[in-house]
C-alpha cells in the first residue's frame, strides 16, 4: 500500500499596529534554532500540532512565544504558501493570519530560540528578514491568498 507524502503545517500571526502614522509589524530574530538563525522572522510563528486547528495553533504559539492571549475568533485568514522541500528540507503549508485583537504585552518567552523582538514599519523592514516571509507578508497585505515556493 502506498504511503501518503508527509508535510508540515506552520501558522504565522500577522500582528500589526499603527504608530506615528505608519503601520508596523512585530518581528523576532531567530536564535539557536538551526534554521535561519540571526534573521528576522514574523513573531509568534510555529507548528500546528496533532488534534488542533490552525487557529488554535496560532493562539497557542502566540501564548508560548510572545506571552499574549489570542482568541481564535479574533484572527482572519490572510495567505497560504505551499513550500516544497528541496535537498532534504521539509515540505510545508505556511498559514498566515491577521490577528485583530489580543491581550497582554508581547515579550520574548523563549530566549533560547529568540534574541530580538521589535516592531518594524512595513515600509522599512530589516534587510536581514527572511526573504520568503517578507514576500508572503506583502502578498497577504495585497490580498493574494496563495503562493508556491519550490
C-alpha atoms as a PDB file:
ATOM      1  CA  UNK A   1       0.000   0.000   0.000  1.00  0.00           C
ATOM      2  CA  UNK A   2       1.364   3.396  -0.984  1.00  0.00           C
ATOM      3  CA  UNK A   3       2.083   5.867   1.782  1.00  0.00           C
ATOM      4  CA  UNK A   4       0.921   9.444   1.591  1.00  0.00           C
ATOM      5  CA  UNK A   5       3.630  12.077   1.440  1.00  0.00           C
ATOM      6  CA  UNK A   6       4.057  13.770   4.836  1.00  0.00           C
ATOM      7  CA  UNK A   7       4.080  17.546   5.003  1.00  0.00           C
ATOM      8  CA  UNK A   8       4.061  20.031   7.849  1.00  0.00           C
ATOM      9  CA  UNK A   9       1.832  22.970   8.656  1.00  0.00           C
ATOM     10  CA  UNK A  10       3.012  26.193  10.232  1.00  0.00           C
ATOM     11  CA  UNK A  11       0.984  29.151  11.445  1.00  0.00           C
ATOM     12  CA  UNK A  12       2.215  32.712  11.162  1.00  0.00           C
ATOM     13  CA  UNK A  13       0.423  35.516  13.064  1.00  0.00           C
ATOM     14  CA  UNK A  14       0.453  38.935  11.437  1.00  0.00           C
ATOM     15  CA  UNK A  15       0.463  41.288  14.432  1.00  0.00           C
ATOM     16  CA  UNK A  16       0.075  44.800  13.058  1.00  0.00           C
ATOM     17  CA  UNK A  17      -0.289  48.192  14.725  1.00  0.00           C
ATOM     18  CA  UNK A  18      -0.435  51.867  13.775  1.00  0.00           C
ATOM     19  CA  UNK A  19       2.262  54.122  15.222  1.00  0.00           C
ATOM     20  CA  UNK A  20       3.220  57.610  14.144  1.00  0.00           C
ATOM     21  CA  UNK A  21       1.095  57.386  11.023  1.00  0.00           C
ATOM     22  CA  UNK A  22       2.811  54.185   9.867  1.00  0.00           C
ATOM     23  CA  UNK A  23       1.706  50.576  10.014  1.00  0.00           C
ATOM     24  CA  UNK A  24       4.128  48.266  11.840  1.00  0.00           C
ATOM     25  CA  UNK A  25       4.548  44.506  12.231  1.00  0.00           C
ATOM     26  CA  UNK A  26       6.047  42.555  15.125  1.00  0.00           C
ATOM     27  CA  UNK A  27       9.156  40.539  14.219  1.00  0.00           C
ATOM     28  CA  UNK A  28      11.559  38.396  16.210  1.00  0.00           C
ATOM     29  CA  UNK A  29      15.166  37.443  15.483  1.00  0.00           C
ATOM     30  CA  UNK A  30      15.760  33.693  15.287  1.00  0.00           C
ATOM     31  CA  UNK A  31      18.496  32.356  17.553  1.00  0.00           C
ATOM     32  CA  UNK A  32      19.929  28.897  18.205  1.00  0.00           C
ATOM     33  CA  UNK A  33      17.195  27.067  16.239  1.00  0.00           C
ATOM     34  CA  UNK A  34      19.334  25.618  13.451  1.00  0.00           C
ATOM     35  CA  UNK A  35      17.137  27.305  10.817  1.00  0.00           C
ATOM     36  CA  UNK A  36      17.862  30.803   9.508  1.00  0.00           C
ATOM     37  CA  UNK A  37      19.344  31.901  12.808  1.00  0.00           C
ATOM     38  CA  UNK A  38      20.224  35.588  13.020  1.00  0.00           C
ATOM     39  CA  UNK A  39      17.429  36.595  10.648  1.00  0.00           C
ATOM     40  CA  UNK A  40      14.237  38.449  11.486  1.00  0.00           C
ATOM     41  CA  UNK A  41      11.045  36.417  11.185  1.00  0.00           C
ATOM     42  CA  UNK A  42       7.381  37.087  11.840  1.00  0.00           C
ATOM     43  CA  UNK A  43       6.967  36.836  15.607  1.00  0.00           C
ATOM     44  CA  UNK A  44       4.923  34.023  17.130  1.00  0.00           C
ATOM     45  CA  UNK A  45       5.061  31.546  14.266  1.00  0.00           C
ATOM     46  CA  UNK A  46       5.164  27.809  14.878  1.00  0.00           C
ATOM     47  CA  UNK A  47       3.912  24.348  14.001  1.00  0.00           C
ATOM     48  CA  UNK A  48       0.395  23.006  14.060  1.00  0.00           C
ATOM     49  CA  UNK A  49       0.292  20.052  16.431  1.00  0.00           C
ATOM     50  CA  UNK A  50      -1.871  16.951  16.306  1.00  0.00           C
ATOM     51  CA  UNK A  51      -5.563  17.364  17.028  1.00  0.00           C
ATOM     52  CA  UNK A  52      -5.618  21.175  16.833  1.00  0.00           C
ATOM     53  CA  UNK A  53      -6.883  23.571  14.186  1.00  0.00           C
ATOM     54  CA  UNK A  54      -4.643  26.165  12.585  1.00  0.00           C
ATOM     55  CA  UNK A  55      -6.323  28.957  14.581  1.00  0.00           C
ATOM     56  CA  UNK A  56      -5.922  27.003  17.818  1.00  0.00           C
ATOM     57  CA  UNK A  57      -2.238  26.514  16.977  1.00  0.00           C
ATOM     58  CA  UNK A  58      -1.874  30.224  16.276  1.00  0.00           C
ATOM     59  CA  UNK A  59      -3.351  31.100  19.681  1.00  0.00           C
ATOM     60  CA  UNK A  60      -1.125  28.538  21.423  1.00  0.00           C
ATOM     61  CA  UNK A  61       2.039  29.721  19.648  1.00  0.00           C
ATOM     62  CA  UNK A  62       1.307  33.372  20.481  1.00  0.00           C
ATOM     63  CA  UNK A  63       0.966  32.412  24.157  1.00  0.00           C
ATOM     64  CA  UNK A  64       4.075  30.224  24.179  1.00  0.00           C
ATOM     65  CA  UNK A  65       6.371  32.526  22.209  1.00  0.00           C
ATOM     66  CA  UNK A  66       5.028  36.009  22.959  1.00  0.00           C
ATOM     67  CA  UNK A  67       3.080  35.682  26.212  1.00  0.00           C
ATOM     68  CA  UNK A  68      -0.088  37.156  24.703  1.00  0.00           C
ATOM     69  CA  UNK A  69      -3.624  35.784  24.646  1.00  0.00           C
ATOM     70  CA  UNK A  70      -5.206  35.486  21.196  1.00  0.00           C
ATOM     71  CA  UNK A  71      -8.707  34.121  20.719  1.00  0.00           C
ATOM     72  CA  UNK A  72      -9.036  32.067  17.522  1.00  0.00           C
ATOM     73  CA  UNK A  73     -12.159  34.060  16.571  1.00  0.00           C
ATOM     74  CA  UNK A  74     -10.064  37.274  16.606  1.00  0.00           C
ATOM     75  CA  UNK A  75      -7.966  36.014  13.689  1.00  0.00           C
ATOM     76  CA  UNK A  76      -8.598  36.185   9.958  1.00  0.00           C
ATOM     77  CA  UNK A  77      -7.043  34.003   7.260  1.00  0.00           C
ATOM     78  CA  UNK A  78      -4.656  36.053   5.122  1.00  0.00           C
ATOM     79  CA  UNK A  79      -2.455  33.790   2.973  1.00  0.00           C
ATOM     80  CA  UNK A  80      -1.162  30.248   2.422  1.00  0.00           C
ATOM     81  CA  UNK A  81       2.083  29.178   0.815  1.00  0.00           C
ATOM     82  CA  UNK A  82       2.843  25.626  -0.250  1.00  0.00           C
ATOM     83  CA  UNK A  83       6.602  25.456   0.275  1.00  0.00           C
ATOM     84  CA  UNK A  84       8.163  22.385  -1.345  1.00  0.00           C
ATOM     85  CA  UNK A  85      11.142  20.920   0.453  1.00  0.00           C
ATOM     86  CA  UNK A  86      14.262  20.579  -1.637  1.00  0.00           C
ATOM     87  CA  UNK A  87      17.525  18.839  -0.816  1.00  0.00           C
ATOM     88  CA  UNK A  88      16.161  17.247   2.347  1.00  0.00           C
ATOM     89  CA  UNK A  89      14.106  20.217   3.574  1.00  0.00           C
ATOM     90  CA  UNK A  90      10.570  19.616   4.807  1.00  0.00           C
ATOM     91  CA  UNK A  91       7.518  20.442   2.722  1.00  0.00           C
ATOM     92  CA  UNK A  92       5.254  22.975   4.439  1.00  0.00           C
ATOM     93  CA  UNK A  93       1.907  24.662   4.227  1.00  0.00           C
ATOM     94  CA  UNK A  94       2.502  28.072   5.806  1.00  0.00           C
ATOM     95  CA  UNK A  95      -0.798  29.578   7.001  1.00  0.00           C
ATOM     96  CA  UNK A  96      -0.816  33.327   7.666  1.00  0.00           C
ATOM     97  CA  UNK A  97      -3.498  35.001   9.786  1.00  0.00           C
ATOM     98  CA  UNK A  98      -4.189  38.619  10.673  1.00  0.00           C
ATOM     99  CA  UNK A  99      -4.575  38.976  14.440  1.00  0.00           C
ATOM    100  CA  UNK A 100      -7.206  41.641  15.059  1.00  0.00           C
ATOM    101  CA  UNK A 101      -7.086  41.616  18.866  1.00  0.00           C
ATOM    102  CA  UNK A 102      -5.006  40.214  21.697  1.00  0.00           C
ATOM    103  CA  UNK A 103      -4.410  40.847  25.379  1.00  0.00           C
ATOM    104  CA  UNK A 104      -1.068  41.258  27.073  1.00  0.00           C
ATOM    105  CA  UNK A 105       2.208  42.787  26.004  1.00  0.00           C
ATOM    106  CA  UNK A 106       4.371  40.838  23.553  1.00  0.00           C
ATOM    107  CA  UNK A 107       7.632  39.661  25.104  1.00  0.00           C
ATOM    108  CA  UNK A 108      10.339  37.093  24.407  1.00  0.00           C
ATOM    109  CA  UNK A 109       9.112  33.949  26.168  1.00  0.00           C
ATOM    110  CA  UNK A 110      11.642  31.558  24.597  1.00  0.00           C
ATOM    111  CA  UNK A 111      15.029  33.308  24.896  1.00  0.00           C
ATOM    112  CA  UNK A 112      16.787  30.100  23.867  1.00  0.00           C
ATOM    113  CA  UNK A 113      15.191  30.459  20.394  1.00  0.00           C
ATOM    114  CA  UNK A 114      14.844  34.231  20.017  1.00  0.00           C
ATOM    115  CA  UNK A 115      17.239  37.092  20.797  1.00  0.00           C
ATOM    116  CA  UNK A 116      15.304  40.082  19.495  1.00  0.00           C
ATOM    117  CA  UNK A 117      11.715  41.338  19.377  1.00  0.00           C
ATOM    118  CA  UNK A 118      10.753  44.624  17.720  1.00  0.00           C
ATOM    119  CA  UNK A 119       8.068  46.467  15.778  1.00  0.00           C
ATOM    120  CA  UNK A 120       9.091  47.486  12.250  1.00  0.00           C
ATOM    121  CA  UNK A 121       7.311  49.814   9.829  1.00  0.00           C
ATOM    122  CA  UNK A 122       6.023  47.875   6.836  1.00  0.00           C
ATOM    123  CA  UNK A 123       7.875  50.266   4.550  1.00  0.00           C
ATOM    124  CA  UNK A 124      11.179  49.785   6.430  1.00  0.00           C
ATOM    125  CA  UNK A 125      11.523  46.056   7.128  1.00  0.00           C
ATOM    126  CA  UNK A 126      15.005  44.908   8.163  1.00  0.00           C
ATOM    127  CA  UNK A 127      17.403  43.857   5.423  1.00  0.00           C
ATOM    128  CA  UNK A 128      18.058  40.582   7.228  1.00  0.00           C
ATOM    129  CA  UNK A 129      14.405  39.491   7.323  1.00  0.00           C
ATOM    130  CA  UNK A 130      13.723  36.001   5.909  1.00  0.00           C
ATOM    131  CA  UNK A 131      13.041  36.656   2.218  1.00  0.00           C
ATOM    132  CA  UNK A 132      10.015  34.436   1.719  1.00  0.00           C
ATOM    133  CA  UNK A 133       8.380  35.816   4.902  1.00  0.00           C
ATOM    134  CA  UNK A 134       8.765  39.342   3.506  1.00  0.00           C
ATOM    135  CA  UNK A 135       7.231  38.192   0.202  1.00  0.00           C
ATOM    136  CA  UNK A 136       4.282  36.464   1.872  1.00  0.00           C
ATOM    137  CA  UNK A 137       3.647  39.424   4.169  1.00  0.00           C
ATOM    138  CA  UNK A 138       3.339  41.706   1.143  1.00  0.00           C
ATOM    139  CA  UNK A 139       1.141  39.162  -0.648  1.00  0.00           C
ATOM    140  CA  UNK A 140      -1.159  38.903   2.379  1.00  0.00           C
ATOM    141  CA  UNK A 141      -1.420  42.676   2.675  1.00  0.00           C
ATOM    142  CA  UNK A 142      -2.309  42.980  -1.012  1.00  0.00           C
ATOM    143  CA  UNK A 143      -4.990  40.267  -0.843  1.00  0.00           C
ATOM    144  CA  UNK A 144      -3.075  37.486  -2.613  1.00  0.00           C
ATOM    145  CA  UNK A 145      -4.211  34.316  -0.893  1.00  0.00           C
ATOM    146  CA  UNK A 146      -1.976  31.634  -2.393  1.00  0.00           C
ATOM    147  CA  UNK A 147       1.641  31.107  -3.386  1.00  0.00           C
ATOM    148  CA  UNK A 148       4.018  28.230  -4.071  1.00  0.00           C
ATOM    149  CA  UNK A 149       7.751  28.092  -3.479  1.00  0.00           C
ATOM    150  CA  UNK A 150       9.984  25.417  -4.945  1.00  0.00           C
END
